[in-house]
Amino acid sequence: MSDPDAEREATVERLMERLSGFVQGIGMSGNEAREIIKRVIEADPTAGDGDLMAKARTWMLIALG
């Protein structure tokens, strides 16, 4: 049996790494980006990485509003 919290944190770390260039490019702090990624995962925990990354990018751009 796997630990859902550990899996979620691993997903957060994986997405943070993959989105790091985007986050830097829009001038967002790592902490802000991490919180958005966590919220995206909470909103759709069954989504794949590609969908989560697309949603996270969108939410980050909205947050810069």
Protein backbone atom coordinates (compact mmCIF):
# COMPACT_ATOMS: atom_id res chain seq x y z
CA MET A 1 0.00 0.00 0.00
CA SER A 2 1.38 3.39 -0.93
CA ASP A 3 1.23 6.62 1.02
CA PRO A 4 -1.00 9.15 -0.80
CA ASP A 5 0.77 12.11 0.84
CA ALA A 6 4.16 10.84 -0.31
CA GLU A 7 2.82 10.28 -3.83
CA ARG A 8 1.33 13.78 -3.91
CA GLU A 9 4.60 15.33 -2.73
CA ALA A 10 6.52 13.37 -5.36
CA THR A 11 4.12 14.71 -8.00
CA VAL A 12 4.60 18.27 -6.69
CA GLU A 13 8.38 17.89 -6.89
CA ARG A 14 8.23 16.38 -10.37
CA LEU A 15 6.01 19.18 -11.68
CA MET A 16 8.11 21.86 -9.97
CA GLU A 17 11.16 20.53 -11.79
CA ARG A 18 9.39 20.35 -15.14
CA LEU A 19 7.84 23.82 -14.78
CA SER A 20 10.88 25.57 -13.32
CA GLY A 21 11.78 27.37 -16.55
CA PHE A 22 8.21 28.55 -17.00
CA VAL A 23 8.04 29.76 -13.39
CA GLN A 24 11.31 31.69 -13.76
CA GLY A 25 10.20 33.09 -17.11
CA ILE A 26 7.04 34.63 -15.67
CA GLY A 27 8.87 35.89 -12.57
CA MET A 28 6.91 33.87 -10.02
CA SER A 29 8.50 32.73 -6.79
CA GLY A 30 9.05 29.04 -6.20
CA ASN A 31 6.83 29.11 -3.12
CA GLU A 32 3.92 30.63 -5.04
CA ALA A 33 4.34 28.10 -7.83
CA ARG A 34 4.47 25.20 -5.37
CA GLU A 35 1.22 26.32 -3.73
CA ILE A 36 -0.52 26.57 -7.09
CA ILE A 37 0.72 23.12 -8.10
CA LYS A 38 -0.58 21.68 -4.83
CA ARG A 39 -3.99 23.26 -5.44
CA VAL A 40 -4.09 21.96 -9.01
CA ILE A 41 -3.39 18.43 -7.76
CA GLU A 42 -6.06 18.75 -5.05
CA ALA A 43 -8.58 19.93 -7.66
CA ASP A 44 -7.97 16.93 -9.93
CA PRO A 45 -5.99 14.20 -8.14
CA THR A 46 -6.47 11.63 -10.91
CA ALA A 47 -5.14 13.82 -13.74
CA GLY A 48 -1.89 12.92 -15.48
CA ASP A 49 1.21 15.08 -15.41
CA GLY A 50 0.47 16.68 -18.78
CA ASP A 51 -2.97 17.85 -17.70
CA LEU A 52 -1.70 19.00 -14.33
CA MET A 53 1.10 21.00 -15.95
CA ALA A 54 -1.30 22.69 -18.37
CA LYS A 55 -3.67 23.63 -15.55
CA ALA A 56 -0.81 24.81 -13.36
CA ARG A 57 0.51 27.08 -16.14
CA THR A 58 -2.94 28.56 -16.62
CA TRP A 59 -3.48 29.12 -12.90
CA MET A 60 -0.03 30.72 -12.59
CA LEU A 61 -0.79 33.15 -15.39
CA ILE A 62 -4.14 33.99 -13.80
CA ALA A 63 -2.42 34.56 -10.46
CA LEU A 64 -0.11 37.12 -12.07
CA GLY A 65 -3.24 38.92 -13.34
